[in-house]
Protein backbone atom coordinates (compact mmCIF):
# COMPACT_ATOMS: atom_id res chain seq x y z
CA MET A 1 36.99 7.30 15.93
CA THR A 2 35.48 5.05 19.12
CA TYR A 3 33.88 5.84 22.44
CA ASP A 4 33.48 2.84 24.59
CA GLY A 5 34.13 0.52 21.80
CA ILE A 6 31.12 1.78 19.45
CA PRO A 7 31.80 3.73 16.37
CA ALA A 8 31.42 7.28 16.47
CA GLY A 9 27.44 8.16 15.52
CA ALA A 10 26.49 4.79 16.30
CA THR A 11 23.52 4.43 19.09
CA ALA A 12 24.22 1.78 21.74
CA VAL A 13 21.37 -0.68 22.57
CA ASP A 14 21.39 -3.93 24.49
CA VAL A 15 18.85 -5.61 21.71
CA ALA A 16 18.30 -5.02 18.29
CA VAL A 17 15.10 -6.54 16.82
CA VAL A 18 14.89 -6.91 13.01
CA GLY A 19 11.57 -7.10 11.66
CA ALA A 20 7.84 -6.62 12.91
CA GLY A 21 5.72 -8.97 11.95
CA GLN A 22 4.21 -11.53 13.97
CA ALA A 23 7.17 -13.18 15.52
CA GLY A 24 8.96 -9.96 16.08
CA LEU A 25 5.71 -8.56 17.77
CA SER A 26 6.17 -11.66 20.11
CA ALA A 27 9.81 -10.75 20.66
CA GLY A 28 8.87 -7.21 21.30
CA TYR A 29 5.97 -7.55 23.77
CA GLN A 30 8.03 -9.96 25.66
CA LEU A 31 11.40 -7.43 25.91
CA ARG A 32 9.36 -4.47 26.83
CA ARG A 33 7.46 -6.58 29.48
CA ASP A 34 11.00 -7.80 30.94
CA GLY A 35 12.81 -3.73 30.92
CA VAL A 36 15.09 -4.55 28.42
CA ASP A 37 16.46 -2.00 26.05
CA PHE A 38 15.95 -2.30 22.76
CA VAL A 39 15.31 -0.96 19.22
CA MET A 40 12.99 -2.27 16.54
CA PHE A 41 12.75 -1.86 12.79
CA ASP A 42 11.03 -3.02 9.83
CA HIS A 43 11.59 -2.79 6.34
CA ALA A 44 7.95 -1.88 5.74
CA GLN A 45 6.04 0.93 5.07
CA ARG A 46 3.17 -0.07 7.63
CA PRO A 47 2.57 -2.56 9.95
CA GLY A 48 1.40 -5.86 9.10
CA GLY A 49 4.57 -8.06 8.65
CA ALA A 50 4.11 -9.95 5.05
CA TRP A 51 0.13 -10.15 5.62
CA GLN A 52 -0.04 -6.46 4.02
CA HIS A 53 1.27 -8.03 1.17
CA ARG A 54 -1.20 -10.97 0.41
CA TRP A 55 -3.31 -10.81 -2.78
CA PRO A 56 -6.94 -8.71 -2.20
CA THR A 57 -9.14 -11.31 -2.61
CA LEU A 58 -7.60 -13.83 0.21
CA THR A 59 -9.94 -12.83 2.81
CA LEU A 60 -9.89 -13.77 6.19
CA GLY A 61 -12.35 -16.57 5.69
CA LYS A 62 -9.62 -18.07 3.08
CA ALA A 63 -6.58 -17.70 4.46
CA HIS A 64 -4.58 -19.60 7.07
CA ARG A 65 -5.63 -19.40 10.51
CA ILE A 66 -4.28 -16.20 12.28
CA ALA A 67 -2.57 -16.64 15.25
CA ASP A 68 -3.20 -14.21 18.22
CA LEU A 69 -0.15 -12.19 19.19
CA PRO A 70 0.45 -12.12 23.12
CA GLY A 71 -1.80 -10.20 25.21
CA MET A 72 -4.25 -8.71 22.18
CA PRO A 73 -6.64 -11.53 20.66
CA LEU A 74 -7.39 -10.77 17.06
CA GLY A 75 -11.22 -11.27 17.92
CA THR A 76 -13.52 -12.12 15.19
CA PRO A 77 -13.51 -9.66 12.51
CA ASP A 78 -15.49 -10.08 9.26
CA PRO A 79 -14.41 -13.15 7.11
CA GLY A 80 -15.52 -11.58 4.23
CA ARG A 81 -12.65 -8.88 4.33
CA PRO A 82 -8.91 -9.06 2.95
CA ALA A 83 -6.77 -10.61 5.24
CA SER A 84 -4.22 -7.86 4.46
CA ASP A 85 -6.16 -5.25 6.43
CA VAL A 86 -7.45 -7.50 8.95
CA VAL A 87 -4.25 -8.10 9.84
CA SER A 88 -2.50 -4.73 8.80
CA GLU A 89 -5.01 -3.07 11.36
CA TYR A 90 -4.41 -5.62 13.92
CA PHE A 91 -0.72 -4.89 14.10
CA ALA A 92 -0.96 -1.28 14.24
CA ARG A 93 -3.60 -1.44 16.96
CA TYR A 94 -0.96 -3.84 18.85
CA GLU A 95 2.04 -1.67 18.16
CA ARG A 96 0.22 1.25 19.79
CA GLU A 97 -1.50 -0.73 22.91
CA TYR A 98 2.06 -1.92 23.78
CA GLY A 99 4.34 1.12 23.29
CA LEU A 100 6.27 -0.93 20.54
CA ASP A 101 8.32 1.93 18.76
CA VAL A 102 8.97 0.19 15.62
CA HIS A 103 11.03 2.52 13.25
CA ARG A 104 10.27 1.68 9.70
CA PRO A 105 10.59 2.18 6.94
CA VAL A 106 14.10 1.19 7.66
CA ASP A 107 16.78 -1.32 5.55
CA VAL A 108 19.05 -3.41 7.48
CA SER A 109 21.88 -3.64 5.15
CA SER A 110 24.17 -5.31 7.18
CA VAL A 111 25.78 -6.96 10.61
CA ARG A 112 28.92 -6.93 11.53
CA ASP A 113 31.35 -7.74 14.64
CA LEU A 114 32.49 -5.39 16.66
CA PRO A 115 35.99 -5.56 18.44
CA ASP A 116 34.27 -5.36 22.02
CA GLY A 117 31.81 -8.40 20.94
CA ARG A 118 28.83 -6.07 20.13
CA LEU A 119 27.48 -6.04 16.53
CA LEU A 120 27.33 -3.07 14.30
CA LEU A 121 24.27 -2.65 12.57
CA SER A 122 24.11 -0.73 9.28
CA THR A 123 20.62 0.74 8.36
CA SER A 124 19.48 3.47 6.45
CA GLU A 125 18.51 5.44 9.39
CA GLY A 126 22.40 5.17 10.87
CA ASP A 127 24.47 2.62 13.05
CA TYR A 128 23.35 0.51 15.77
CA ALA A 129 25.59 -1.66 18.21
CA ALA A 130 23.84 -3.85 20.23
CA ARG A 131 24.46 -6.97 22.26
CA PHE A 132 22.10 -9.29 21.01
CA LEU A 133 20.03 -9.52 17.59
CA ILE A 134 16.82 -10.83 17.31
CA ASN A 135 16.44 -11.69 13.94
CA ALA A 136 12.45 -11.81 12.31
CA SER A 137 13.16 -10.31 8.77
CA GLY A 138 11.04 -13.13 7.42
CA THR A 139 10.92 -14.47 3.70
CA TRP A 140 8.75 -11.54 1.68
CA GLU A 141 11.75 -10.22 -0.29
CA LYS A 142 13.36 -13.34 -1.39
CA PRO A 143 10.85 -15.08 -3.26
CA PHE A 144 12.79 -18.51 -4.81
CA TRP A 145 12.31 -18.96 -8.39
CA PRO A 146 13.21 -22.17 -9.88
CA ARG A 147 15.35 -22.85 -12.59
CA TYR A 148 14.05 -25.34 -16.02
CA ALA A 149 15.79 -25.53 -19.18
CA GLY A 150 13.99 -23.08 -21.37
CA MET A 151 12.71 -20.21 -18.97
CA GLU A 152 14.19 -17.70 -20.70
CA THR A 153 12.54 -18.75 -24.22
CA PHE A 154 9.04 -18.48 -22.87
CA ARG A 155 6.79 -15.96 -24.69
CA GLY A 156 4.33 -15.38 -22.14
CA ARG A 157 4.19 -14.12 -18.72
CA HIS A 158 6.70 -15.77 -15.59
CA LEU A 159 4.52 -14.75 -12.48
CA HIS A 160 5.69 -15.10 -8.91
CA THR A 161 2.71 -15.68 -6.21
CA HIS A 162 4.81 -12.77 -4.77
CA ASP A 163 3.75 -10.59 -7.42
CA TYR A 164 -0.26 -12.06 -7.76
CA ARG A 165 -2.85 -9.89 -7.03
CA GLY A 166 -5.60 -12.05 -7.67
CA PRO A 167 -7.80 -13.67 -10.58
CA ALA A 168 -9.13 -11.26 -13.11
CA GLU A 169 -5.79 -10.73 -15.10
CA PHE A 170 -6.53 -14.12 -15.83
CA ALA A 171 -9.74 -14.32 -17.77
CA GLY A 172 -9.95 -16.45 -20.60
CA LYS A 173 -6.01 -17.26 -20.52
CA ARG A 174 -4.26 -20.39 -20.24
CA VAL A 175 -2.67 -20.94 -17.01
CA MET A 176 0.29 -23.27 -15.78
CA VAL A 177 0.40 -23.18 -11.75
CA VAL A 178 3.56 -24.94 -10.45
CA GLY A 179 3.99 -25.71 -6.44
CA GLY A 180 2.39 -27.97 -4.12
CA GLY A 181 1.83 -25.23 -1.03
CA ALA A 182 -1.27 -23.81 0.18
CA SER A 183 -0.50 -20.83 -2.00
CA GLY A 184 -0.42 -22.51 -4.96
CA VAL A 185 -3.69 -24.04 -3.91
CA GLN A 186 -5.34 -21.29 -3.03
CA ALA A 187 -4.13 -19.34 -6.16
CA LEU A 188 -5.21 -22.38 -8.24
CA LEU A 189 -8.80 -22.45 -7.14
CA GLU A 190 -9.61 -18.71 -7.61
CA ILE A 191 -8.29 -18.68 -11.14
CA ALA A 192 -9.59 -21.86 -12.41
CA GLU A 193 -12.94 -19.70 -12.05
CA VAL A 194 -11.99 -17.50 -14.51
CA ALA A 195 -9.14 -18.84 -16.70
CA ALA A 196 -9.74 -20.69 -20.15
CA GLU A 197 -7.67 -23.41 -19.07
CA THR A 198 -5.19 -24.64 -16.13
CA ARG A 199 -2.69 -27.23 -15.34
CA TRP A 200 -1.04 -27.99 -11.87
CA ALA A 201 2.26 -29.40 -11.32
CA THR A 202 4.51 -30.02 -8.39
CA ARG A 203 7.54 -31.75 -7.71
CA ARG A 204 5.83 -34.31 -5.46
CA PRO A 205 2.41 -35.85 -5.24
CA PRO A 206 0.44 -33.62 -2.60
CA GLU A 207 -0.10 -35.22 0.89
CA TRP A 208 -3.84 -34.57 1.52
CA VAL A 209 -4.76 -34.18 5.16
CA GLU A 210 -8.18 -34.45 6.93
CA GLY A 211 -8.19 -31.05 9.22
CA PRO A 212 -7.65 -30.10 11.79
CA PHE A 213 -4.04 -30.00 12.37
CA ASP A 214 -4.27 -30.57 16.26
CA GLU A 215 -1.48 -30.03 18.86
CA GLU A 216 0.34 -33.21 18.28
CA LEU A 217 0.43 -33.25 14.98
CA GLY A 218 2.10 -29.59 15.14
CA ARG A 219 4.43 -30.64 17.60
CA ALA A 220 5.55 -33.64 15.50
CA ALA A 221 5.72 -30.92 12.39
CA VAL A 222 8.00 -28.36 14.22
CA ALA A 223 10.21 -31.85 15.35
CA LYS A 224 10.94 -32.72 12.05
CA VAL A 225 11.97 -28.83 11.19
CA ASP A 226 14.00 -28.58 13.91
CA GLU A 227 16.02 -32.07 13.35
CA ARG A 228 16.79 -30.39 10.11
CA VAL A 229 18.40 -27.17 11.74
CA ARG A 230 19.95 -28.26 14.38
CA ARG A 231 22.03 -30.51 11.64
CA GLY A 232 23.07 -27.33 9.99
CA LEU A 233 20.69 -28.16 6.81
CA PRO A 234 18.41 -25.69 5.35
CA PRO A 235 15.08 -25.97 6.57
CA GLY A 236 12.57 -28.01 4.46
CA SER A 237 9.18 -26.69 3.09
CA VAL A 238 6.18 -26.23 5.59
CA VAL A 239 3.76 -28.31 3.44
CA SER A 240 6.60 -31.13 3.23
CA VAL A 241 5.93 -32.02 6.93
CA THR A 242 2.28 -30.97 7.08
CA GLY A 243 0.52 -31.57 4.25
CA LEU A 244 -2.30 -29.90 2.67
CA MET A 245 -5.34 -29.50 4.74
CA LEU A 246 -8.56 -30.70 2.98
CA THR A 247 -11.54 -28.41 2.92
CA ASP A 248 -15.23 -28.65 1.42
CA GLU A 249 -13.84 -26.56 -1.16
CA VAL A 250 -10.55 -28.50 -2.22
CA ARG A 251 -12.97 -31.36 -1.70
CA ALA A 252 -15.03 -29.85 -5.04
CA ALA A 253 -11.89 -28.56 -6.74
CA ARG A 254 -10.12 -32.41 -6.51
CA ALA A 255 -13.60 -33.87 -7.74
CA SER A 256 -13.99 -31.32 -10.84
CA GLY A 257 -10.26 -32.09 -11.70
CA VAL A 258 -9.04 -28.54 -11.44
CA LEU A 259 -6.57 -29.88 -8.82
CA ARG A 260 -5.60 -32.82 -10.61
CA ARG A 261 -1.92 -33.00 -9.97
CA LEU A 262 0.85 -33.48 -12.48
CA PRO A 263 4.49 -33.86 -11.95
CA MET A 264 6.86 -31.39 -12.65
CA PHE A 265 7.80 -30.87 -16.72
CA GLU A 266 11.19 -31.52 -18.15
CA ARG A 267 11.25 -27.97 -20.18
CA VAL A 268 9.60 -24.76 -20.64
CA THR A 269 9.13 -24.05 -24.14
CA PRO A 270 8.36 -20.66 -25.77
CA SER A 271 4.59 -21.40 -25.90
CA GLY A 272 4.37 -23.30 -22.49
CA VAL A 273 5.94 -26.45 -20.89
CA VAL A 274 6.63 -29.98 -22.10
CA TRP A 275 7.00 -33.37 -19.66
CA ALA A 276 9.12 -36.02 -20.20
CA ASP A 277 6.96 -38.21 -21.78
CA GLY A 278 6.31 -35.75 -24.67
CA SER A 279 3.08 -34.54 -23.58
CA SER A 280 2.72 -30.51 -23.45
CA PHE A 281 0.78 -27.74 -22.31
CA ASP A 282 0.37 -24.50 -24.02
CA ALA A 283 0.27 -21.49 -21.40
CA ASP A 284 -0.15 -17.88 -21.71
CA VAL A 285 0.79 -17.02 -17.95
CA ILE A 286 3.49 -19.87 -15.74
CA LEU A 287 2.71 -18.91 -12.25
CA TRP A 288 5.38 -20.15 -9.88
CA ALA A 289 3.96 -20.93 -6.51
CA THR A 290 7.62 -22.35 -5.18
CA GLY A 291 7.86 -20.49 -2.43
CA PHE A 292 10.45 -18.19 -0.58
CA ARG A 293 13.69 -18.15 1.16
CA ALA A 294 14.74 -16.52 4.37
CA SER A 295 15.75 -13.07 3.96
CA LEU A 296 19.04 -13.24 5.85
CA GLY A 297 21.70 -11.33 3.25
CA HIS A 298 22.17 -8.73 5.96
CA LEU A 299 23.58 -11.61 8.28
CA ALA A 300 26.25 -12.72 5.74
CA PRO A 301 29.46 -10.81 7.32
CA LEU A 302 28.86 -12.83 10.01
CA GLY A 303 29.45 -16.00 8.29
CA LEU A 304 26.74 -18.15 10.05
CA ARG A 305 26.11 -20.80 7.22
CA GLY A 306 28.02 -23.71 7.80
CA PRO A 307 29.15 -26.82 4.90
CA GLY A 308 25.88 -27.48 4.67
CA GLY A 309 24.11 -24.86 3.30
CA GLY A 310 21.93 -23.72 6.57
CA ILE A 311 22.54 -22.12 9.64
CA ALA A 312 22.57 -24.66 12.77
CA MET A 313 20.37 -23.42 15.12
CA ASP A 314 19.69 -24.62 19.17
CA GLY A 315 16.17 -23.48 19.78
CA THR A 316 15.83 -19.76 18.09
CA ARG A 317 19.56 -19.32 18.79
CA VAL A 318 22.32 -19.88 16.18
CA ALA A 319 24.69 -22.51 17.56
CA ALA A 320 27.77 -20.90 16.06
CA ASP A 321 26.81 -17.10 17.89
CA PRO A 322 24.50 -16.85 20.86
CA ARG A 323 24.38 -13.54 20.53
CA VAL A 324 22.06 -14.23 17.20
CA HIS A 325 18.42 -15.23 17.47
CA LEU A 326 16.63 -15.93 14.36
CA LEU A 327 13.10 -16.10 14.29
CA GLY A 328 11.29 -17.41 11.50
CA TYR A 329 13.86 -19.95 10.68
CA GLY A 330 13.24 -23.72 10.99
CA PRO A 331 11.14 -24.68 13.72
CA SER A 332 9.72 -21.18 13.91
CA ALA A 333 8.50 -20.57 10.55
CA SER A 334 5.02 -21.38 11.59
CA THR A 335 1.97 -19.63 12.74
CA ILE A 336 1.95 -22.06 15.61
CA GLY A 337 5.67 -21.38 16.26
CA ALA A 338 5.90 -17.69 15.96
CA ASN A 339 4.73 -16.30 19.55
CA ARG A 340 6.74 -19.29 21.17
CA ALA A 341 9.58 -18.27 19.41
CA GLY A 342 9.41 -14.46 19.96
CA ARG A 343 9.07 -14.68 23.66
CA SER A 344 11.84 -17.69 23.43
CA ALA A 345 14.03 -15.59 22.40
CA ALA A 346 13.23 -12.20 24.18
CA ARG A 347 13.79 -14.41 27.67
CA ALA A 348 16.98 -15.90 26.72
CA VAL A 349 18.52 -12.61 26.17
CA ARG A 350 17.08 -10.99 28.72
CA ARG A 351 18.92 -14.02 30.82
CA ALA A 352 22.25 -13.51 28.96
CA LEU A 353 22.02 -9.49 29.92
CA GLN A 354 21.45 -10.78 33.53
CA GLU A 355 24.89 -12.99 33.75
CA THR A 356 26.51 -10.13 32.37
CA GLY A 357 25.07 -7.75 35.14
CA ARG A 358 23.19 -5.21 32.56
CA PRO A 359 20.48 -3.63 34.82
CA ARG A 360 16.78 -3.60 33.69
CA ALA A 361 16.06 -0.52 30.93
CA ASN A 362 13.98 2.70 31.63
CA ILE A 363 10.96 2.18 29.28
CA GLY A 364 9.67 5.59 30.93
CA ARG A 365 6.17 6.38 29.98
CA THR A 366 5.95 2.67 28.06
CA THR A 367 5.50 0.97 31.61
CA MET A 368 1.60 2.46 31.58
CA ASN A 369 0.63 -0.02 29.31
CA LEU A 370 2.15 -3.41 31.25
CA PRO A 371 -0.04 -3.44 34.53
CA SER A 372 -3.11 -3.52 32.87
CA GLU A 373 -2.08 -6.47 30.43
CA ARG A 374 -4.70 -8.80 29.27
CA PRO A 375 -3.76 -12.44 30.10
CA GLU A 376 -3.08 -14.30 26.34
CA SER A 377 -6.74 -15.91 25.64
CA PRO A 378 -6.60 -19.99 25.97
CA ARG A 379 -5.12 -21.68 23.05
CA ASP A 380 -6.81 -24.59 21.31
CA ASP A 381 -4.18 -25.93 19.55
CA ARG A 382 -6.27 -28.37 17.64
CA THR A 383 -7.73 -25.63 15.51
CA ALA A 384 -4.13 -24.41 14.63
CA GLU A 385 -2.69 -24.95 11.45
CA ILE A 386 1.18 -24.93 10.68
CA ALA A 387 1.66 -22.23 8.22
CA PRO A 388 4.03 -19.92 6.74
CA VAL A 389 5.14 -16.70 9.31
CA ALA A 390 3.00 -13.55 8.53
């Protein structure tokens, strides 16, 4: 039975936001500021986005630059503290300050069409019928494991950076690190200090870039990714368009041979890996720093993917379904793009609602946070890094 086109028991909202990482919080900030009726869900137990899962030895000083959320600068916390703790505390403070009532932990299992044109979200706390969806579910739940011949025969340990918790457990071991992204480099630098021996293999030779990235480089990188998703192709990796930044630590590691890159091996053996030329490396652990894919399985019923395997985008909006905005997908999958994407999606949704004659929501006591909003701190994009959204 339905009421006003909504299945019985479903809660009607104008906008649903899935995910409360940096992009989701930026969208929530703008929606709250504009007085839009919305609900926000997050899969995690606590605030922090994907940053809360980073390994403890990744301190703030070693992490990618953490972009300020709109209206509230991060400040200058202790660079020696774990980035996971700093960001989790920052995001929690932000949610409180701006009255962002994040429903957590809530799983969104599917999003389907309703006959009246709304979207039905099936969640672990019940059904919601939304006119628009801003999806910022990130990538953390979908670590990517490539397939190589013989992987199942390896007698050692396969580990993805998703489950990496620091270098201590690799003491005295022989470790093969696979992957040319920033996470792989960071893990390798730590592991090499305690391991008996390490090797590093990547699909492409790394492109080392003299940092910091400036605004022009950032815009060029975003434009390259944007061009792919507009054509409906899967987004390329971040490092494929930005390169790896040279720091003093990286320069020292290159000079010592720790960051001597090898091409990808041909196959995995019970004892390690073998290259096409017959050379081999006996390993106790293969660490797959091979990245993540967008966590979009709940959107499968909408049939958004095209023949190219990706989702054609127009900015943050899905080209084939203007009700759906994707954050952290394509050009918005960066710290430099997350805030902009969140605000852009929220503003686009607000305009669409206004065109349909939907009134502003009565957001009650949370409006107390709005008149005293602090202006955003000036951005110096010359120091901004392009990095996966946290």
